[in-house]
Amino acid sequence: QVQLVESGGGLVQAGGSLRLSCAASGRTFSSYSMAWFRQAPGKEREFVTAINWSGGITYYADSVKGRFTSSRDNAKNTVYLQMNSLKPEDTAVYYCAAGFGTRGTRSYEYDYWGQGTQVTVSS
């Protein structure tokens, strides 16, 4: 069982930055691929980024490439999402997700989910 707790969301102006954190419970964090998804009001949940167990492989949605960076610290059981050059269309609830082993970009590949953190970007 893995429990995930996101933090770092908030209100920011367009062009600004935020860093989200996701703290995971458990002693096998380094065995999990981690991902961030987001869901805007009235829209389906969408993939943002995924990172493999070592942090050496990352995937990004086209909409965030070059602006967002995911990283992880296995010693701290934490994964991060650095978001720069934020746009109003980035406004959403951001969810952290964990899947054992190698996982990809689809939400069904991830078994554990956090409660989400709200990110609001004003124009």
N, C-alpha and C. Protein backbone atom coordinates (compact mmCIF):
# COMPACT_ATOMS: atom_id res chain seq x y z
N GLN A 1 0.84 -1.19 0.00
CA GLN A 1 0.00 0.00 0.00
C GLN A 1 0.88 1.24 0.00
N VAL A 2 0.55 2.19 -0.85
CA VAL A 2 1.29 3.44 -0.93
C VAL A 2 0.30 4.58 -0.72
N GLN A 3 0.65 5.50 0.14
CA GLN A 3 -0.15 6.69 0.33
C GLN A 3 0.61 7.89 -0.20
N LEU A 4 -0.10 8.75 -0.92
CA LEU A 4 0.51 9.89 -1.58
C LEU A 4 -0.15 11.17 -1.10
N VAL A 5 0.66 12.16 -0.79
CA VAL A 5 0.14 13.45 -0.33
C VAL A 5 0.82 14.56 -1.14
N GLU A 6 0.01 15.28 -1.91
CA GLU A 6 0.53 16.38 -2.71
C GLU A 6 0.51 17.68 -1.92
N SER A 7 1.40 18.58 -2.28
CA SER A 7 1.42 19.91 -1.69
C SER A 7 2.06 20.86 -2.69
N GLY A 8 1.90 22.16 -2.41
CA GLY A 8 2.57 23.16 -3.23
C GLY A 8 1.67 23.89 -4.22
N GLY A 9 0.41 23.49 -4.31
CA GLY A 9 -0.47 24.19 -5.20
C GLY A 9 -0.80 25.58 -4.69
N GLY A 10 -1.47 26.36 -5.54
CA GLY A 10 -1.84 27.70 -5.14
C GLY A 10 -2.25 28.55 -6.32
N LEU A 11 -2.32 29.83 -6.07
CA LEU A 11 -2.69 30.81 -7.08
C LEU A 11 -1.44 31.54 -7.55
N VAL A 12 -1.27 31.62 -8.86
CA VAL A 12 -0.10 32.29 -9.41
C VAL A 12 -0.51 33.03 -10.67
N GLN A 13 0.18 34.09 -10.99
CA GLN A 13 -0.10 34.82 -12.21
C GLN A 13 0.52 34.12 -13.41
N ALA A 14 -0.05 34.35 -14.56
CA ALA A 14 0.50 33.80 -15.80
C ALA A 14 1.97 34.20 -15.93
N GLY A 15 2.79 33.24 -16.33
CA GLY A 15 4.22 33.47 -16.44
C GLY A 15 4.99 33.10 -15.19
N GLY A 16 4.27 32.85 -14.11
CA GLY A 16 4.92 32.52 -12.86
C GLY A 16 5.27 31.05 -12.75
N SER A 17 5.75 30.67 -11.56
CA SER A 17 6.21 29.30 -11.32
C SER A 17 5.63 28.76 -10.03
N LEU A 18 5.50 27.46 -9.99
CA LEU A 18 5.14 26.73 -8.77
C LEU A 18 5.89 25.42 -8.77
N ARG A 19 6.15 24.90 -7.59
CA ARG A 19 6.71 23.56 -7.48
C ARG A 19 5.80 22.72 -6.62
N LEU A 20 5.31 21.66 -7.21
CA LEU A 20 4.48 20.71 -6.48
C LEU A 20 5.36 19.60 -5.92
N SER A 21 4.96 19.10 -4.77
CA SER A 21 5.64 17.96 -4.15
C SER A 21 4.62 16.86 -3.90
N CYS A 22 5.09 15.64 -3.93
CA CYS A 22 4.25 14.49 -3.62
C CYS A 22 5.07 13.57 -2.72
N ALA A 23 4.64 13.48 -1.48
CA ALA A 23 5.34 12.64 -0.50
C ALA A 23 4.64 11.28 -0.44
N ALA A 24 5.44 10.24 -0.52
CA ALA A 24 4.90 8.88 -0.53
C ALA A 24 5.29 8.14 0.73
N SER A 25 4.37 7.31 1.20
CA SER A 25 4.66 6.43 2.33
C SER A 25 5.26 5.14 1.80
N GLY A 26 5.80 4.33 2.69
CA GLY A 26 6.29 3.02 2.28
C GLY A 26 7.78 3.00 2.06
N ARG A 27 8.33 1.78 2.12
CA ARG A 27 9.77 1.62 2.04
C ARG A 27 10.25 1.23 0.65
N THR A 28 9.31 1.09 -0.29
CA THR A 28 9.70 0.64 -1.62
C THR A 28 9.43 1.70 -2.67
N PHE A 29 9.52 2.94 -2.28
CA PHE A 29 9.22 4.05 -3.18
C PHE A 29 10.04 3.96 -4.44
N SER A 30 11.30 3.57 -4.32
CA SER A 30 12.18 3.53 -5.49
C SER A 30 11.77 2.45 -6.49
N SER A 31 10.84 1.59 -6.13
CA SER A 31 10.36 0.56 -7.06
C SER A 31 9.19 1.03 -7.91
N TYR A 32 8.73 2.25 -7.65
CA TYR A 32 7.54 2.76 -8.31
C TYR A 32 7.86 3.81 -9.36
N SER A 33 7.18 3.70 -10.50
CA SER A 33 7.12 4.82 -11.42
C SER A 33 6.11 5.81 -10.85
N MET A 34 6.39 7.08 -11.06
CA MET A 34 5.52 8.14 -10.55
C MET A 34 5.04 9.00 -11.70
N ALA A 35 3.87 9.57 -11.53
CA ALA A 35 3.32 10.42 -12.58
C ALA A 35 2.50 11.54 -11.98
N TRP A 36 2.31 12.56 -12.78
CA TRP A 36 1.40 13.65 -12.46
C TRP A 36 0.33 13.70 -13.55
N PHE A 37 -0.90 13.81 -13.11
CA PHE A 37 -2.04 14.03 -13.99
C PHE A 37 -2.74 15.30 -13.52
N ARG A 38 -3.57 15.83 -14.35
CA ARG A 38 -4.34 16.99 -13.94
C ARG A 38 -5.75 16.92 -14.51
N GLN A 39 -6.65 17.60 -13.82
CA GLN A 39 -8.03 17.62 -14.27
C GLN A 39 -8.61 19.01 -14.07
N ALA A 40 -8.99 19.61 -15.16
CA ALA A 40 -9.63 20.92 -15.13
C ALA A 40 -11.14 20.74 -15.04
N PRO A 41 -11.85 21.75 -14.55
CA PRO A 41 -13.30 21.63 -14.42
C PRO A 41 -13.96 21.30 -15.75
N GLY A 42 -14.82 20.29 -15.74
CA GLY A 42 -15.54 19.91 -16.94
C GLY A 42 -14.73 19.14 -17.95
N LYS A 43 -13.50 18.80 -17.60
CA LYS A 43 -12.63 18.07 -18.54
C LYS A 43 -12.19 16.75 -17.93
N GLU A 44 -11.73 15.86 -18.80
CA GLU A 44 -11.22 14.58 -18.33
C GLU A 44 -9.82 14.76 -17.74
N ARG A 45 -9.46 13.81 -16.89
CA ARG A 45 -8.12 13.81 -16.33
C ARG A 45 -7.12 13.57 -17.46
N GLU A 46 -6.03 14.33 -17.46
CA GLU A 46 -5.05 14.20 -18.51
C GLU A 46 -3.66 14.02 -17.95
N PHE A 47 -2.85 13.32 -18.71
CA PHE A 47 -1.46 13.06 -18.35
C PHE A 47 -0.64 14.33 -18.44
N VAL A 48 0.26 14.52 -17.48
CA VAL A 48 1.18 15.65 -17.50
C VAL A 48 2.62 15.16 -17.67
N THR A 49 3.06 14.29 -16.76
CA THR A 49 4.43 13.80 -16.83
C THR A 49 4.56 12.51 -16.04
N ALA A 50 5.54 11.70 -16.42
CA ALA A 50 5.85 10.49 -15.68
C ALA A 50 7.36 10.37 -15.55
N ILE A 51 7.77 9.70 -14.48
CA ILE A 51 9.20 9.54 -14.22
C ILE A 51 9.44 8.11 -13.74
N ASN A 52 10.50 7.49 -14.23
CA ASN A 52 10.74 6.10 -13.85
C ASN A 52 11.38 6.04 -12.47
N TRP A 53 11.68 4.82 -12.02
CA TRP A 53 12.10 4.61 -10.64
C TRP A 53 13.38 5.37 -10.29
N SER A 54 14.28 5.52 -11.25
CA SER A 54 15.56 6.16 -10.95
C SER A 54 15.54 7.65 -11.24
N GLY A 55 14.54 8.10 -11.95
CA GLY A 55 14.51 9.49 -12.39
C GLY A 55 15.23 9.71 -13.69
N GLY A 56 15.76 8.64 -14.26
CA GLY A 56 16.53 8.76 -15.48
C GLY A 56 15.70 8.84 -16.75
N ILE A 57 14.44 8.47 -16.65
CA ILE A 57 13.56 8.50 -17.82
C ILE A 57 12.31 9.30 -17.45
N THR A 58 12.00 10.27 -18.27
CA THR A 58 10.82 11.08 -18.04
C THR A 58 10.02 11.22 -19.33
N TYR A 59 8.73 11.37 -19.18
CA TYR A 59 7.82 11.63 -20.29
C TYR A 59 7.01 12.87 -19.96
N TYR A 60 6.70 13.64 -20.99
CA TYR A 60 5.93 14.85 -20.79
C TYR A 60 4.84 14.96 -21.86
N ALA A 61 3.71 15.50 -21.45
CA ALA A 61 2.69 15.86 -22.43
C ALA A 61 3.22 17.00 -23.28
N ASP A 62 2.82 17.05 -24.53
CA ASP A 62 3.29 18.10 -25.43
C ASP A 62 2.97 19.49 -24.89
N SER A 63 1.86 19.59 -24.20
CA SER A 63 1.40 20.90 -23.72
C SER A 63 2.30 21.48 -22.63
N VAL A 64 3.13 20.64 -22.01
CA VAL A 64 3.97 21.14 -20.91
C VAL A 64 5.46 21.01 -21.19
N LYS A 65 5.81 20.41 -22.31
CA LYS A 65 7.23 20.22 -22.64
C LYS A 65 7.95 21.55 -22.68
N GLY A 66 9.11 21.58 -22.06
CA GLY A 66 9.91 22.81 -22.03
C GLY A 66 9.52 23.76 -20.92
N ARG A 67 8.41 23.50 -20.26
CA ARG A 67 7.97 24.38 -19.16
C ARG A 67 7.95 23.64 -17.82
N PHE A 68 7.60 22.37 -17.85
CA PHE A 68 7.51 21.57 -16.62
C PHE A 68 8.66 20.59 -16.56
N THR A 69 9.10 20.32 -15.32
CA THR A 69 10.15 19.34 -15.10
C THR A 69 9.80 18.48 -13.90
N SER A 70 9.83 17.17 -14.09
CA SER A 70 9.61 16.28 -12.96
C SER A 70 10.93 15.71 -12.47
N SER A 71 11.00 15.47 -11.19
CA SER A 71 12.19 14.89 -10.59
C SER A 71 11.77 14.12 -9.35
N ARG A 72 12.67 13.35 -8.81
CA ARG A 72 12.36 12.59 -7.61
C ARG A 72 13.59 12.46 -6.73
N ASP A 73 13.32 12.32 -5.45
CA ASP A 73 14.36 12.08 -4.46
C ASP A 73 13.96 10.82 -3.71
N ASN A 74 14.54 9.71 -4.08
CA ASN A 74 14.13 8.44 -3.47
C ASN A 74 14.50 8.36 -1.99
N ALA A 75 15.52 9.09 -1.59
CA ALA A 75 15.89 9.10 -0.17
C ALA A 75 14.82 9.79 0.67
N LYS A 76 14.07 10.69 0.04
CA LYS A 76 13.01 11.42 0.75
C LYS A 76 11.62 10.93 0.39
N ASN A 77 11.55 9.88 -0.44
CA ASN A 77 10.24 9.36 -0.87
C ASN A 77 9.37 10.47 -1.45
N THR A 78 9.95 11.31 -2.26
CA THR A 78 9.23 12.47 -2.77
C THR A 78 9.48 12.65 -4.26
N VAL A 79 8.43 13.03 -4.96
CA VAL A 79 8.54 13.40 -6.37
C VAL A 79 8.09 14.85 -6.50
N TYR A 80 8.72 15.55 -7.42
CA TYR A 80 8.47 16.97 -7.58
C TYR A 80 8.01 17.29 -9.00
N LEU A 81 7.26 18.37 -9.11
CA LEU A 81 6.90 18.89 -10.42
C LEU A 81 7.16 20.38 -10.40
N GLN A 82 8.21 20.79 -11.10
CA GLN A 82 8.53 22.19 -11.24
C GLN A 82 7.80 22.73 -12.45
N MET A 83 6.97 23.73 -12.24
CA MET A 83 6.16 24.29 -13.32
C MET A 83 6.56 25.75 -13.53
N ASN A 84 7.07 26.03 -14.69
CA ASN A 84 7.49 27.38 -15.06
C ASN A 84 6.63 27.90 -16.21
N SER A 85 6.69 29.21 -16.41
CA SER A 85 5.94 29.84 -17.51
C SER A 85 4.49 29.38 -17.52
N LEU A 86 3.89 29.42 -16.38
CA LEU A 86 2.52 28.91 -16.26
C LEU A 86 1.54 29.73 -17.07
N LYS A 87 0.54 29.02 -17.59
CA LYS A 87 -0.50 29.64 -18.41
C LYS A 87 -1.87 29.41 -17.77
N PRO A 88 -2.84 30.24 -18.07
CA PRO A 88 -4.18 30.02 -17.50
C PRO A 88 -4.72 28.63 -17.82
N GLU A 89 -4.37 28.08 -18.95
CA GLU A 89 -4.85 26.74 -19.30
C GLU A 89 -4.19 25.63 -18.49
N ASP A 90 -3.21 25.97 -17.66
CA ASP A 90 -2.64 24.99 -16.74
C ASP A 90 -3.47 24.86 -15.47
N THR A 91 -4.48 25.70 -15.31
CA THR A 91 -5.33 25.65 -14.14
C THR A 91 -6.04 24.30 -14.06
N ALA A 92 -5.87 23.63 -12.93
CA ALA A 92 -6.44 22.29 -12.76
C ALA A 92 -6.12 21.80 -11.36
N VAL A 93 -6.74 20.69 -11.01
CA VAL A 93 -6.30 19.94 -9.84
C VAL A 93 -5.23 18.96 -10.33
N TYR A 94 -4.10 18.99 -9.65
CA TYR A 94 -2.97 18.15 -10.04
C TYR A 94 -2.89 16.96 -9.09
N TYR A 95 -2.80 15.77 -9.69
CA TYR A 95 -2.78 14.53 -8.93
C TYR A 95 -1.44 13.82 -9.13
N CYS A 96 -0.92 13.31 -8.05
CA CYS A 96 0.25 12.46 -8.08
C CYS A 96 -0.22 11.01 -8.11
N ALA A 97 0.49 10.16 -8.85
CA ALA A 97 0.10 8.76 -8.97
C ALA A 97 1.34 7.87 -8.94
N ALA A 98 1.16 6.65 -8.44
CA ALA A 98 2.27 5.70 -8.34
C ALA A 98 1.86 4.36 -8.93
N GLY A 99 2.79 3.74 -9.64
CA GLY A 99 2.57 2.41 -10.19
C GLY A 99 3.84 1.58 -10.04
N PHE A 100 3.69 0.35 -9.60
CA PHE A 100 4.86 -0.48 -9.35
C PHE A 100 5.54 -0.87 -10.65
N GLY A 101 6.85 -0.73 -10.69
CA GLY A 101 7.61 -1.11 -11.87
C GLY A 101 7.54 -0.06 -12.96
N THR A 102 7.61 -0.55 -14.19
CA THR A 102 7.58 0.35 -15.35
C THR A 102 6.15 0.71 -15.71
N ARG A 103 5.88 1.97 -15.83
CA ARG A 103 4.55 2.46 -16.18
C ARG A 103 4.70 3.54 -17.23
N GLY A 104 3.58 3.86 -17.88
CA GLY A 104 3.60 4.81 -18.97
C GLY A 104 2.81 6.06 -18.70
N THR A 105 1.99 6.42 -19.67
CA THR A 105 1.30 7.70 -19.63
C THR A 105 -0.21 7.59 -19.45
N ARG A 106 -0.71 6.39 -19.25
CA ARG A 106 -2.16 6.22 -19.12
C ARG A 106 -2.54 6.12 -17.65
N SER A 107 -3.64 6.71 -17.27
CA SER A 107 -4.04 6.75 -15.87
C SER A 107 -4.30 5.36 -15.31
N TYR A 108 -4.79 4.44 -16.15
CA TYR A 108 -5.11 3.11 -15.65
C TYR A 108 -3.87 2.30 -15.27
N GLU A 109 -2.70 2.79 -15.66
CA GLU A 109 -1.46 2.09 -15.33
C GLU A 109 -1.01 2.36 -13.89
N TYR A 110 -1.66 3.28 -13.23
CA TYR A 110 -1.23 3.70 -11.90
C TYR A 110 -2.26 3.24 -10.85
N ASP A 111 -1.73 2.68 -9.79
CA ASP A 111 -2.57 2.03 -8.78
C ASP A 111 -2.91 2.93 -7.60
N TYR A 112 -2.06 3.88 -7.31
CA TYR A 112 -2.24 4.71 -6.12
C TYR A 112 -2.28 6.18 -6.54
N TRP A 113 -3.17 6.90 -5.87
CA TRP A 113 -3.40 8.31 -6.22
C TRP A 113 -3.46 9.16 -4.96
N GLY A 114 -2.96 10.38 -5.09
CA GLY A 114 -3.11 11.35 -4.02
C GLY A 114 -4.47 12.03 -4.12
N GLN A 115 -4.70 12.95 -3.19
CA GLN A 115 -5.99 13.62 -3.13
C GLN A 115 -6.06 14.83 -4.07
N GLY A 116 -4.92 15.24 -4.57
CA GLY A 116 -4.88 16.35 -5.51
C GLY A 116 -4.57 17.67 -4.84
N THR A 117 -3.99 18.58 -5.61
CA THR A 117 -3.72 19.93 -5.14
C THR A 117 -4.11 20.91 -6.24
N GLN A 118 -4.78 21.97 -5.86
CA GLN A 118 -5.31 22.92 -6.85
C GLN A 118 -4.22 23.89 -7.30
N VAL A 119 -4.12 24.05 -8.60
CA VAL A 119 -3.25 25.06 -9.20
C VAL A 119 -4.14 25.99 -10.02
N THR A 120 -4.08 27.27 -9.71
CA THR A 120 -4.86 28.26 -10.43
C THR A 120 -3.93 29.32 -10.99
N VAL A 121 -4.01 29.52 -12.30
CA VAL A 121 -3.17 30.50 -12.97
C VAL A 121 -4.06 31.62 -13.48
N SER A 122 -3.82 32.80 -12.99
CA SER A 122 -4.63 33.95 -13.40
C SER A 122 -3.98 34.67 -14.57
N SER A 123 -4.82 35.24 -15.41
CA SER A 123 -4.30 35.94 -16.61
C SER A 123 -4.04 37.40 -16.32
